[in-house]
């Protein structure tokens, strides 16, 4: 962890302490601080914007209720991602993954300065990620998108580090084989590919 991460975690811990004392302002600050990260993370679980917002609200409701029981065994960000992950899996079981309708808010979240090439690259990568299992997509997002360590991901997903490593390995192999095909190239078979 670098100095910024340490400072950020100290601030988050202070906010949790204030939340434990029923400080709604602290909840609002933590919510605004994590909303974007949780949104990006949860888009790897589901494409349904309504479900993503529901999961984020559920996550912060649980954080509000459990703020006083946070033991500090992990960073606050790891704790919140773990709550969001479990709430997301529960929501997937209840609602499924298919979008209800085209979401106009998706366009609002895309920065106006994006070039068509950037959008095409994101779409191409998104199609590749859709070919992965939910657990593999989550590991890819947590490691490469959010920047969590493998140990953090193991805490979030409540599984051994070895399982996280295996999911990450198989996700990278699958992407290495799928992405060229999506781009119109012939995929290169990799040794030990599943």
N, C-alpha and C. Protein backbone atom coordinates (compact mmCIF):
# COMPACT_ATOMS: atom_id res chain seq x y z
N UNK A 1 0.84 -1.18 0.00
CA UNK A 1 0.00 0.00 0.00
C UNK A 1 0.89 1.24 0.00
N UNK A 2 0.54 2.20 -0.86
CA UNK A 2 1.31 3.43 -0.87
C UNK A 2 0.71 4.42 0.13
N UNK A 3 1.36 5.59 0.27
CA UNK A 3 0.91 6.58 1.26
C UNK A 3 -0.52 7.06 1.01
N UNK A 4 -0.90 7.22 -0.28
CA UNK A 4 -2.26 7.66 -0.58
C UNK A 4 -3.29 6.63 -0.13
N UNK A 5 -2.98 5.34 -0.35
CA UNK A 5 -3.89 4.27 0.08
C UNK A 5 -4.03 4.25 1.60
N UNK A 6 -2.91 4.46 2.29
CA UNK A 6 -2.93 4.48 3.76
C UNK A 6 -3.77 5.64 4.27
N UNK A 7 -3.57 6.82 3.67
CA UNK A 7 -4.35 8.00 4.07
C UNK A 7 -5.84 7.80 3.77
N UNK A 8 -6.13 7.25 2.59
CA UNK A 8 -7.51 7.01 2.20
C UNK A 8 -8.18 6.02 3.15
N UNK A 9 -7.47 4.95 3.50
CA UNK A 9 -8.05 3.96 4.41
C UNK A 9 -8.26 4.55 5.80
N UNK A 10 -7.34 5.40 6.25
CA UNK A 10 -7.51 6.04 7.56
C UNK A 10 -8.75 6.93 7.57
N UNK A 11 -8.96 7.65 6.46
CA UNK A 11 -10.16 8.48 6.34
C UNK A 11 -11.41 7.62 6.33
N UNK A 12 -11.37 6.52 5.57
CA UNK A 12 -12.52 5.62 5.51
C UNK A 12 -12.83 5.01 6.88
N UNK A 13 -11.81 4.65 7.63
CA UNK A 13 -12.02 4.09 8.97
C UNK A 13 -12.66 5.12 9.89
N UNK A 14 -12.21 6.36 9.77
CA UNK A 14 -12.80 7.44 10.57
C UNK A 14 -14.28 7.62 10.20
N UNK A 15 -14.58 7.55 8.91
CA UNK A 15 -15.97 7.67 8.47
C UNK A 15 -16.82 6.52 9.02
N UNK A 16 -16.26 5.31 9.03
CA UNK A 16 -17.00 4.17 9.60
C UNK A 16 -17.26 4.37 11.08
N UNK A 17 -16.29 4.90 11.79
CA UNK A 17 -16.49 5.18 13.22
C UNK A 17 -17.61 6.20 13.42
N UNK A 18 -17.62 7.21 12.57
CA UNK A 18 -18.70 8.21 12.66
C UNK A 18 -20.05 7.59 12.30
N UNK A 19 -20.05 6.70 11.30
CA UNK A 19 -21.29 6.02 10.93
C UNK A 19 -21.80 5.17 12.07
N UNK A 20 -20.89 4.52 12.80
CA UNK A 20 -21.28 3.70 13.94
C UNK A 20 -21.96 4.54 15.01
N UNK A 21 -21.64 5.83 15.02
CA UNK A 21 -22.27 6.77 15.97
C UNK A 21 -23.47 7.48 15.32
N UNK A 22 -24.04 6.86 14.28
CA UNK A 22 -25.23 7.37 13.58
C UNK A 22 -25.02 8.70 12.87
N UNK A 23 -23.85 8.93 12.33
CA UNK A 23 -23.56 10.16 11.58
C UNK A 23 -23.89 9.93 10.11
N UNK A 24 -25.03 10.49 9.67
CA UNK A 24 -25.48 10.31 8.29
C UNK A 24 -24.62 11.07 7.30
N UNK A 25 -24.00 12.15 7.73
CA UNK A 25 -23.11 12.90 6.85
C UNK A 25 -21.92 12.02 6.45
N UNK A 26 -21.38 11.27 7.41
CA UNK A 26 -20.27 10.36 7.13
C UNK A 26 -20.69 9.30 6.12
N UNK A 27 -21.92 8.80 6.25
CA UNK A 27 -22.44 7.83 5.29
C UNK A 27 -22.48 8.44 3.90
N UNK A 28 -22.95 9.66 3.80
CA UNK A 28 -23.02 10.35 2.51
C UNK A 28 -21.65 10.53 1.88
N UNK A 29 -20.67 10.88 2.68
CA UNK A 29 -19.30 11.06 2.18
C UNK A 29 -18.75 9.74 1.66
N UNK A 30 -18.93 8.68 2.44
CA UNK A 30 -18.42 7.36 2.03
C UNK A 30 -19.15 6.89 0.77
N UNK A 31 -20.44 7.12 0.72
CA UNK A 31 -21.25 6.73 -0.45
C UNK A 31 -20.73 7.41 -1.71
N UNK A 32 -20.55 8.72 -1.65
CA UNK A 32 -20.06 9.46 -2.82
C UNK A 32 -18.65 9.03 -3.21
N UNK A 33 -17.86 8.71 -2.23
CA UNK A 33 -16.48 8.30 -2.49
C UNK A 33 -16.41 6.95 -3.22
N UNK A 34 -17.32 6.05 -2.92
CA UNK A 34 -17.25 4.69 -3.46
C UNK A 34 -18.26 4.39 -4.57
N UNK A 35 -19.22 5.26 -4.79
CA UNK A 35 -20.28 4.97 -5.75
C UNK A 35 -19.74 4.63 -7.14
N UNK A 36 -18.84 5.43 -7.67
CA UNK A 36 -18.30 5.19 -9.01
C UNK A 36 -17.53 3.89 -9.10
N UNK A 37 -16.69 3.61 -8.10
CA UNK A 37 -15.91 2.37 -8.09
C UNK A 37 -16.82 1.15 -8.04
N UNK A 38 -17.85 1.23 -7.18
CA UNK A 38 -18.77 0.10 -7.06
C UNK A 38 -19.57 -0.08 -8.34
N UNK A 39 -19.94 1.02 -8.97
CA UNK A 39 -20.66 0.95 -10.25
C UNK A 39 -19.83 0.21 -11.29
N UNK A 40 -18.58 0.62 -11.45
CA UNK A 40 -17.70 -0.02 -12.44
C UNK A 40 -17.52 -1.50 -12.11
N UNK A 41 -17.32 -1.79 -10.84
CA UNK A 41 -17.13 -3.17 -10.40
C UNK A 41 -18.38 -4.01 -10.69
N UNK A 42 -19.53 -3.50 -10.34
CA UNK A 42 -20.76 -4.26 -10.47
C UNK A 42 -21.19 -4.45 -11.92
N UNK A 43 -20.70 -3.60 -12.83
CA UNK A 43 -21.02 -3.81 -14.25
C UNK A 43 -20.38 -5.10 -14.76
N UNK A 44 -19.43 -5.65 -14.02
CA UNK A 44 -18.84 -6.94 -14.40
C UNK A 44 -19.74 -8.09 -13.96
N UNK A 45 -20.68 -7.82 -13.06
CA UNK A 45 -21.63 -8.84 -12.63
C UNK A 45 -22.90 -8.80 -13.46
N UNK A 46 -23.39 -7.60 -13.76
CA UNK A 46 -24.67 -7.45 -14.45
C UNK A 46 -24.66 -6.19 -15.30
N UNK A 47 -25.46 -6.22 -16.36
CA UNK A 47 -25.61 -5.05 -17.22
C UNK A 47 -26.84 -4.23 -16.83
N UNK A 48 -27.57 -4.69 -15.86
CA UNK A 48 -28.81 -4.00 -15.47
C UNK A 48 -28.52 -2.86 -14.51
N UNK A 49 -28.69 -1.63 -14.99
CA UNK A 49 -28.41 -0.44 -14.19
C UNK A 49 -29.29 -0.39 -12.94
N UNK A 50 -30.54 -0.84 -13.06
CA UNK A 50 -31.43 -0.82 -11.90
C UNK A 50 -30.93 -1.75 -10.80
N UNK A 51 -30.39 -2.90 -11.20
CA UNK A 51 -29.85 -3.85 -10.23
C UNK A 51 -28.58 -3.30 -9.60
N UNK A 52 -27.74 -2.66 -10.41
CA UNK A 52 -26.50 -2.09 -9.89
C UNK A 52 -26.80 -1.05 -8.81
N UNK A 53 -27.74 -0.17 -9.06
CA UNK A 53 -28.10 0.85 -8.07
C UNK A 53 -28.70 0.22 -6.82
N UNK A 54 -29.52 -0.81 -7.01
CA UNK A 54 -30.10 -1.52 -5.86
C UNK A 54 -29.00 -2.17 -5.02
N UNK A 55 -28.02 -2.78 -5.68
CA UNK A 55 -26.92 -3.44 -4.97
C UNK A 55 -26.09 -2.41 -4.20
N UNK A 56 -25.82 -1.29 -4.81
CA UNK A 56 -25.04 -0.25 -4.13
C UNK A 56 -25.79 0.25 -2.90
N UNK A 57 -27.08 0.46 -3.04
CA UNK A 57 -27.87 0.89 -1.88
C UNK A 57 -27.89 -0.18 -0.79
N UNK A 58 -28.05 -1.44 -1.19
CA UNK A 58 -28.01 -2.53 -0.21
C UNK A 58 -26.66 -2.60 0.48
N UNK A 59 -25.60 -2.42 -0.31
CA UNK A 59 -24.23 -2.46 0.24
C UNK A 59 -24.06 -1.40 1.32
N UNK A 60 -24.50 -0.18 1.04
CA UNK A 60 -24.32 0.88 2.02
C UNK A 60 -25.29 0.77 3.19
N UNK A 61 -26.43 0.15 2.98
CA UNK A 61 -27.34 -0.11 4.10
C UNK A 61 -26.66 -1.10 5.06
N UNK A 62 -26.04 -2.12 4.51
CA UNK A 62 -25.33 -3.10 5.35
C UNK A 62 -24.13 -2.43 6.03
N UNK A 63 -23.39 -1.62 5.28
CA UNK A 63 -22.24 -0.91 5.87
C UNK A 63 -22.70 0.00 7.01
N UNK A 64 -23.84 0.64 6.85
CA UNK A 64 -24.40 1.50 7.90
C UNK A 64 -24.71 0.68 9.15
N UNK A 65 -25.33 -0.48 8.94
CA UNK A 65 -25.70 -1.33 10.06
C UNK A 65 -24.49 -1.98 10.73
N UNK A 66 -23.46 -2.31 9.96
CA UNK A 66 -22.31 -3.06 10.47
C UNK A 66 -21.08 -2.19 10.73
N UNK A 67 -21.19 -0.89 10.58
CA UNK A 67 -20.02 0.00 10.73
C UNK A 67 -19.33 -0.21 12.07
N UNK A 68 -20.09 -0.39 13.12
CA UNK A 68 -19.51 -0.58 14.44
C UNK A 68 -18.82 -1.91 14.64
N UNK A 69 -19.12 -2.88 13.77
CA UNK A 69 -18.51 -4.20 13.92
C UNK A 69 -17.33 -4.41 12.97
N UNK A 70 -16.93 -3.37 12.24
CA UNK A 70 -15.75 -3.48 11.37
C UNK A 70 -14.53 -3.63 12.26
N UNK A 71 -13.80 -4.73 12.08
CA UNK A 71 -12.66 -5.05 12.95
C UNK A 71 -11.34 -4.52 12.43
N UNK A 72 -11.29 -4.09 11.18
CA UNK A 72 -10.04 -3.59 10.63
C UNK A 72 -9.11 -4.68 10.15
N UNK A 73 -9.64 -5.89 9.91
CA UNK A 73 -8.81 -6.98 9.40
C UNK A 73 -8.37 -6.74 7.96
N UNK A 74 -9.06 -5.87 7.27
CA UNK A 74 -8.74 -5.53 5.88
C UNK A 74 -8.95 -4.03 5.71
N UNK A 75 -8.65 -3.54 4.51
CA UNK A 75 -8.94 -2.13 4.22
C UNK A 75 -10.45 -1.96 4.12
N UNK A 76 -10.93 -0.77 4.36
CA UNK A 76 -12.36 -0.48 4.25
C UNK A 76 -12.82 -0.75 2.82
N UNK A 77 -12.00 -0.39 1.84
CA UNK A 77 -12.38 -0.61 0.44
C UNK A 77 -12.58 -2.10 0.17
N UNK A 78 -11.75 -2.95 0.74
CA UNK A 78 -11.89 -4.40 0.57
C UNK A 78 -13.18 -4.88 1.22
N UNK A 79 -13.46 -4.36 2.41
CA UNK A 79 -14.67 -4.73 3.14
C UNK A 79 -15.91 -4.34 2.33
N UNK A 80 -15.93 -3.11 1.80
CA UNK A 80 -17.09 -2.65 1.02
C UNK A 80 -17.25 -3.44 -0.28
N UNK A 81 -16.14 -3.73 -0.95
CA UNK A 81 -16.22 -4.52 -2.18
C UNK A 81 -16.76 -5.92 -1.89
N UNK A 82 -16.37 -6.48 -0.75
CA UNK A 82 -16.89 -7.79 -0.37
C UNK A 82 -18.39 -7.77 -0.15
N UNK A 83 -18.85 -6.72 0.52
CA UNK A 83 -20.30 -6.58 0.73
C UNK A 83 -21.01 -6.43 -0.61
N UNK A 84 -20.46 -5.57 -1.49
CA UNK A 84 -21.07 -5.34 -2.80
C UNK A 84 -21.08 -6.63 -3.63
N UNK A 85 -20.01 -7.39 -3.56
CA UNK A 85 -19.93 -8.65 -4.31
C UNK A 85 -21.02 -9.62 -3.86
N UNK A 86 -21.15 -9.79 -2.55
CA UNK A 86 -22.17 -10.72 -2.05
C UNK A 86 -23.59 -10.21 -2.35
N UNK A 87 -23.81 -8.91 -2.21
CA UNK A 87 -25.12 -8.34 -2.56
C UNK A 87 -25.39 -8.51 -4.06
N UNK A 88 -24.34 -8.36 -4.87
CA UNK A 88 -24.49 -8.51 -6.32
C UNK A 88 -24.86 -9.93 -6.71
N UNK A 89 -24.21 -10.90 -6.09
CA UNK A 89 -24.55 -12.30 -6.38
C UNK A 89 -25.99 -12.61 -5.98
N UNK A 90 -26.40 -12.07 -4.84
CA UNK A 90 -27.78 -12.28 -4.39
C UNK A 90 -28.76 -11.65 -5.38
N UNK A 91 -28.44 -10.44 -5.85
CA UNK A 91 -29.32 -9.76 -6.80
C UNK A 91 -29.38 -10.52 -8.13
N UNK A 92 -28.27 -11.10 -8.55
CA UNK A 92 -28.28 -11.89 -9.79
C UNK A 92 -29.20 -13.09 -9.67
N UNK A 93 -29.18 -13.73 -8.50
CA UNK A 93 -30.08 -14.87 -8.30
C UNK A 93 -31.54 -14.42 -8.34
N UNK A 94 -31.81 -13.22 -7.85
CA UNK A 94 -33.19 -12.74 -7.80
C UNK A 94 -33.68 -12.15 -9.12
N UNK A 95 -32.80 -11.40 -9.80
CA UNK A 95 -33.24 -10.63 -10.97
C UNK A 95 -32.72 -11.14 -12.31
N UNK A 96 -31.67 -11.91 -12.33
CA UNK A 96 -31.06 -12.30 -13.59
C UNK A 96 -30.14 -11.20 -14.09
N UNK A 97 -29.63 -11.39 -15.31
CA UNK A 97 -28.60 -10.50 -15.83
C UNK A 97 -29.04 -9.69 -17.04
N UNK A 98 -30.11 -10.04 -17.69
CA UNK A 98 -30.50 -9.36 -18.91
C UNK A 98 -31.03 -7.96 -18.62
N UNK A 99 -30.59 -6.97 -19.40
CA UNK A 99 -31.09 -5.60 -19.20
C UNK A 99 -32.59 -5.54 -19.45
N UNK A 100 -33.26 -4.69 -18.68
CA UNK A 100 -34.69 -4.51 -18.85
C UNK A 100 -34.96 -3.77 -20.16
N UNK A 101 -34.17 -2.76 -20.43
CA UNK A 101 -34.28 -1.95 -21.64
C UNK A 101 -32.94 -1.27 -21.85
N UNK A 102 -32.76 -0.65 -23.01
CA UNK A 102 -31.52 0.10 -23.22
C UNK A 102 -31.46 1.21 -22.20
N UNK A 103 -30.35 1.33 -21.56
CA UNK A 103 -30.20 2.29 -20.48
C UNK A 103 -29.58 3.58 -21.00
N UNK A 104 -30.33 4.66 -21.01
CA UNK A 104 -29.83 5.95 -21.47
C UNK A 104 -28.74 6.47 -20.55
N UNK A 105 -28.78 6.05 -19.29
CA UNK A 105 -27.76 6.53 -18.35
C UNK A 105 -26.37 6.02 -18.71
N UNK A 106 -26.28 4.91 -19.43
CA UNK A 106 -24.98 4.39 -19.84
C UNK A 106 -24.25 5.42 -20.70
N UNK A 107 -24.97 6.07 -21.60
CA UNK A 107 -24.37 7.10 -22.44
C UNK A 107 -23.93 8.29 -21.59
N UNK A 108 -24.69 8.61 -20.54
CA UNK A 108 -24.32 9.73 -19.68
C UNK A 108 -23.03 9.45 -18.94
N UNK A 109 -22.75 8.18 -18.62
CA UNK A 109 -21.54 7.83 -17.89
C UNK A 109 -20.31 7.84 -18.78
N UNK A 110 -20.49 7.80 -20.09
CA UNK A 110 -19.38 7.79 -21.01
C UNK A 110 -18.90 9.23 -21.21
N UNK A 111 -17.63 9.52 -20.92
CA UNK A 111 -17.14 10.88 -21.09
C UNK A 111 -17.29 11.34 -22.53
N UNK A 112 -17.60 12.63 -22.72
CA UNK A 112 -17.85 13.18 -24.03
C UNK A 112 -16.59 13.18 -24.89
N UNK A 113 -15.41 13.18 -24.29
CA UNK A 113 -14.18 13.26 -25.07
C UNK A 113 -13.73 11.91 -25.63
N UNK A 114 -14.47 10.83 -25.36
CA UNK A 114 -14.11 9.52 -25.89
C UNK A 114 -14.17 9.55 -27.41
N UNK A 115 -13.16 8.96 -28.03
CA UNK A 115 -13.15 8.83 -29.48
C UNK A 115 -13.86 7.55 -29.86
N UNK A 116 -14.28 7.46 -31.13
CA UNK A 116 -14.93 6.24 -31.61
C UNK A 116 -14.04 5.03 -31.43
N UNK A 117 -12.74 5.21 -31.63
CA UNK A 117 -11.80 4.09 -31.48
C UNK A 117 -11.78 3.59 -30.04
N UNK A 118 -11.82 4.51 -29.07
CA UNK A 118 -11.85 4.10 -27.67
C UNK A 118 -13.12 3.32 -27.37
N UNK A 119 -14.23 3.79 -27.90
CA UNK A 119 -15.51 3.12 -27.68
C UNK A 119 -15.47 1.73 -28.31
N UNK A 120 -14.89 1.62 -29.51
CA UNK A 120 -14.79 0.33 -30.18
C UNK A 120 -13.92 -0.63 -29.38
N UNK A 121 -12.82 -0.13 -28.83
CA UNK A 121 -11.94 -0.96 -28.02
C UNK A 121 -12.66 -1.44 -26.76
N UNK A 122 -13.40 -0.54 -26.09
CA UNK A 122 -14.15 -0.93 -24.89
C UNK A 122 -15.21 -1.97 -25.23
N UNK A 123 -15.90 -1.78 -26.36
CA UNK A 123 -16.92 -2.74 -26.78
C UNK A 123 -16.30 -4.10 -27.05
N UNK A 124 -15.16 -4.12 -27.73
CA UNK A 124 -14.46 -5.35 -28.06
C UNK A 124 -14.02 -6.07 -26.79
N UNK A 125 -13.42 -5.32 -25.86
CA UNK A 125 -13.00 -5.91 -24.59
C UNK A 125 -14.22 -6.38 -23.79
N UNK A 126 -15.29 -5.60 -23.79
CA UNK A 126 -16.51 -5.98 -23.09
C UNK A 126 -17.08 -7.29 -23.62
N UNK A 127 -17.04 -7.47 -24.94
CA UNK A 127 -17.53 -8.73 -25.53
C UNK A 127 -16.65 -9.90 -25.10
N UNK A 128 -15.35 -9.65 -25.00
CA UNK A 128 -14.45 -10.69 -24.53
C UNK A 128 -14.74 -11.05 -23.09
N UNK A 129 -14.95 -10.04 -22.25
CA UNK A 129 -15.24 -10.29 -20.84
C UNK A 129 -16.56 -11.02 -20.64
N UNK A 130 -17.52 -10.79 -21.55
CA UNK A 130 -18.81 -11.49 -21.45
C UNK A 130 -18.65 -12.99 -21.64
N UNK A 131 -17.57 -13.41 -22.28
CA UNK A 131 -17.32 -14.83 -22.51
C UNK A 131 -16.76 -15.52 -21.26
N UNK A 132 -16.39 -14.74 -20.26
CA UNK A 132 -15.85 -15.30 -19.03
C UNK A 132 -16.98 -15.62 -18.06
N UNK A 133 -16.69 -16.48 -17.11
CA UNK A 133 -17.66 -16.74 -16.05
C UNK A 133 -17.75 -15.49 -15.16
N UNK A 134 -18.80 -15.40 -14.37
CA UNK A 134 -18.97 -14.26 -13.48
C UNK A 134 -17.76 -14.14 -12.54
N UNK A 135 -17.33 -15.24 -11.96
CA UNK A 135 -16.19 -15.21 -11.03
C UNK A 135 -14.92 -14.73 -11.73
N UNK A 136 -14.70 -15.16 -12.97
CA UNK A 136 -13.52 -14.71 -13.70
C UNK A 136 -13.60 -13.22 -14.01
N UNK A 137 -14.78 -12.73 -14.42
CA UNK A 137 -14.94 -11.29 -14.70
C UNK A 137 -14.68 -10.47 -13.45
N UNK A 138 -15.20 -10.94 -12.32
CA UNK A 138 -15.03 -10.22 -11.07
C UNK A 138 -13.55 -10.15 -10.69
N UNK A 139 -12.84 -11.26 -10.82
CA UNK A 139 -11.41 -11.26 -10.49
C UNK A 139 -10.66 -10.30 -11.40
N UNK A 140 -10.94 -10.33 -12.69
CA UNK A 140 -10.28 -9.40 -13.63
C UNK A 140 -10.56 -7.96 -13.23
N UNK A 141 -11.81 -7.65 -12.92
CA UNK A 141 -12.17 -6.27 -12.54
C UNK A 141 -11.49 -5.85 -11.24
N UNK A 142 -11.52 -6.72 -10.25
CA UNK A 142 -10.93 -6.37 -8.96
C UNK A 142 -9.41 -6.18 -9.05
N UNK A 143 -8.74 -7.03 -9.84
CA UNK A 143 -7.28 -6.94 -9.94
C UNK A 143 -6.86 -5.81 -10.87
N UNK A 144 -7.40 -5.82 -12.09
CA UNK A 144 -6.93 -4.86 -13.10
C UNK A 144 -7.74 -3.56 -13.11
N UNK A 145 -9.03 -3.65 -12.83
CA UNK A 145 -9.86 -2.45 -12.87
C UNK A 145 -9.77 -1.63 -11.60
N UNK A 146 -9.86 -2.29 -10.45
CA UNK A 146 -9.88 -1.59 -9.17
C UNK A 146 -8.49 -1.53 -8.55
N UNK A 147 -7.65 -2.53 -8.82
CA UNK A 147 -6.29 -2.52 -8.32
C UNK A 147 -6.09 -3.24 -6.99
N UNK A 148 -6.98 -4.15 -6.66
CA UNK A 148 -6.82 -4.91 -5.42
C UNK A 148 -5.75 -5.98 -5.58
N UNK A 149 -5.12 -6.33 -4.48
CA UNK A 149 -4.15 -7.42 -4.48
C UNK A 149 -4.91 -8.75 -4.51
N UNK A 150 -4.20 -9.82 -4.80
CA UNK A 150 -4.83 -11.14 -4.81
C UNK A 150 -5.35 -11.49 -3.41
N UNK A 151 -4.63 -11.07 -2.38
CA UNK A 151 -5.09 -11.32 -1.00
C UNK A 151 -6.40 -10.59 -0.74
N UNK A 152 -6.50 -9.33 -1.20
CA UNK A 152 -7.74 -8.57 -1.04
C UNK A 152 -8.90 -9.24 -1.76
N UNK A 153 -8.63 -9.70 -2.99
CA UNK A 153 -9.68 -10.35 -3.77
C UNK A 153 -10.15 -11.62 -3.07
N UNK A 154 -9.23 -12.34 -2.46
CA UNK A 154 -9.61 -13.55 -1.72
C UNK A 154 -10.54 -13.20 -0.56
N UNK A 155 -10.28 -12.10 0.11
CA UNK A 155 -11.15 -11.65 1.21
C UNK A 155 -12.51 -11.26 0.66
N UNK A 156 -12.51 -10.48 -0.42
CA UNK A 156 -13.77 -10.01 -1.02
C UNK A 156 -14.63 -11.19 -1.46
N UNK A 157 -14.00 -12.15 -2.15
CA UNK A 157 -14.76 -13.27 -2.71
C UNK A 157 -14.90 -14.43 -1.73
N UNK A 158 -14.30 -14.30 -0.55
CA UNK A 158 -14.36 -15.32 0.49
C UNK A 158 -13.95 -16.70 -0.04
N UNK A 159 -12.74 -16.71 -0.62
CA UNK A 159 -12.19 -17.96 -1.13
C UNK A 159 -10.67 -17.92 -0.95
N UNK A 160 -9.99 -19.06 -1.09
CA UNK A 160 -8.53 -19.07 -0.94
C UNK A 160 -7.83 -18.27 -2.05
N UNK A 161 -6.65 -17.77 -1.75
CA UNK A 161 -5.85 -17.02 -2.73
C UNK A 161 -5.57 -17.89 -3.95
N UNK A 162 -5.34 -19.18 -3.73
CA UNK A 162 -5.10 -20.10 -4.84
C UNK A 162 -6.26 -20.14 -5.82
N UNK A 163 -7.47 -20.06 -5.31
CA UNK A 163 -8.65 -20.04 -6.18
C UNK A 163 -8.68 -18.76 -7.00
N UNK A 164 -8.33 -17.64 -6.37
CA UNK A 164 -8.27 -16.35 -7.08
C UNK A 164 -7.23 -16.44 -8.19
N UNK A 165 -6.06 -16.98 -7.88
CA UNK A 165 -4.99 -17.11 -8.88
C UNK A 165 -5.45 -17.99 -10.05
N UNK A 166 -6.12 -19.09 -9.74
CA UNK A 166 -6.60 -19.98 -10.80
C UNK A 166 -7.63 -19.28 -11.67
N UNK A 167 -8.56 -18.55 -11.07
CA UNK A 167 -9.57 -17.83 -11.85
C UNK A 167 -8.92 -16.78 -12.74
N UNK A 168 -7.94 -16.08 -12.20
CA UNK A 168 -7.23 -15.06 -12.97
C UNK A 168 -6.47 -15.70 -14.13
N UNK A 169 -5.79 -16.79 -13.87
CA UNK A 169 -5.05 -17.49 -14.92
C UNK A 169 -5.99 -17.93 -16.04
N UNK A 170 -7.07 -18.60 -15.69
CA UNK A 170 -7.99 -19.11 -16.71
C UNK A 170 -8.69 -17.97 -17.45
N UNK A 171 -8.97 -16.88 -16.77
CA UNK A 171 -9.58 -15.72 -17.43
C UNK A 171 -8.62 -15.14 -18.47
N UNK A 172 -7.36 -15.01 -18.11
CA UNK A 172 -6.38 -14.45 -19.06
C UNK A 172 -6.19 -15.38 -20.25
N UNK A 173 -6.14 -16.69 -20.01
CA UNK A 173 -6.00 -17.64 -21.11
C UNK A 173 -7.20 -17.54 -22.04
N UNK A 174 -8.39 -17.51 -21.46
CA UNK A 174 -9.60 -17.44 -22.27
C UNK A 174 -9.63 -16.15 -23.08
N UNK A 175 -9.27 -15.02 -22.45
CA UNK A 175 -9.24 -13.75 -23.18
C UNK A 175 -8.19 -13.77 -24.29
N UNK A 176 -7.05 -14.38 -24.01
CA UNK A 176 -5.99 -14.47 -25.02
C UNK A 176 -6.48 -15.24 -26.24
N UNK A 177 -7.36 -16.20 -26.05
CA UNK A 177 -7.88 -17.00 -27.15
C UNK A 177 -9.11 -16.39 -27.80
N UNK A 178 -9.93 -15.68 -27.02
CA UNK A 178 -11.19 -15.14 -27.52
C UNK A 178 -11.03 -13.79 -28.22
N UNK A 179 -10.22 -12.91 -27.65
CA UNK A 179 -10.12 -11.55 -28.20
C UNK A 179 -9.65 -11.51 -29.65
N UNK A 180 -8.64 -12.28 -30.04
CA UNK A 180 -8.27 -12.24 -31.46
C UNK A 180 -9.40 -12.68 -32.38
N UNK A 181 -10.16 -13.69 -31.96
CA UNK A 181 -11.28 -14.16 -32.78
C UNK A 181 -12.33 -13.06 -32.93
N UNK A 182 -12.58 -12.32 -31.86
CA UNK A 182 -13.54 -11.22 -31.93
C UNK A 182 -13.04 -10.09 -32.83
N UNK A 183 -11.72 -9.99 -32.98
CA UNK A 183 -11.14 -8.96 -33.84
C UNK A 183 -10.98 -9.45 -35.27
N UNK A 184 -11.38 -10.72 -35.54
CA UNK A 184 -11.30 -11.25 -36.88
C UNK A 184 -10.00 -11.96 -37.19
N UNK A 185 -9.17 -12.17 -36.18
CA UNK A 185 -7.91 -12.90 -36.35
C UNK A 185 -8.11 -14.33 -35.88
N UNK A 186 -7.23 -15.22 -36.29
CA UNK A 186 -7.32 -16.59 -35.80
C UNK A 186 -6.66 -16.65 -34.42
N UNK A 187 -7.35 -17.25 -33.45
CA UNK A 187 -6.80 -17.31 -32.10
C UNK A 187 -5.59 -18.24 -32.04
N UNK A 188 -4.66 -17.89 -31.17
CA UNK A 188 -3.48 -18.73 -30.94
C UNK A 188 -3.78 -19.59 -29.74
N UNK A 189 -3.72 -20.89 -29.92
CA UNK A 189 -3.98 -21.78 -28.79
C UNK A 189 -2.81 -21.74 -27.84
N UNK A 190 -3.11 -21.64 -26.57
CA UNK A 190 -2.09 -21.55 -25.54
C UNK A 190 -2.01 -22.88 -24.81
N UNK A 191 -0.78 -23.25 -24.46
CA UNK A 191 -0.62 -24.48 -23.68
C UNK A 191 -1.37 -24.33 -22.36
N UNK A 192 -1.85 -25.44 -21.87
CA UNK A 192 -2.59 -25.48 -20.61
C UNK A 192 -3.90 -24.70 -20.68
N UNK A 193 -4.40 -24.44 -21.86
CA UNK A 193 -5.68 -23.72 -21.98
C UNK A 193 -6.79 -24.66 -21.58
N UNK A 194 -7.83 -24.12 -20.91
CA UNK A 194 -8.93 -24.98 -20.49
C UNK A 194 -9.77 -25.44 -21.66
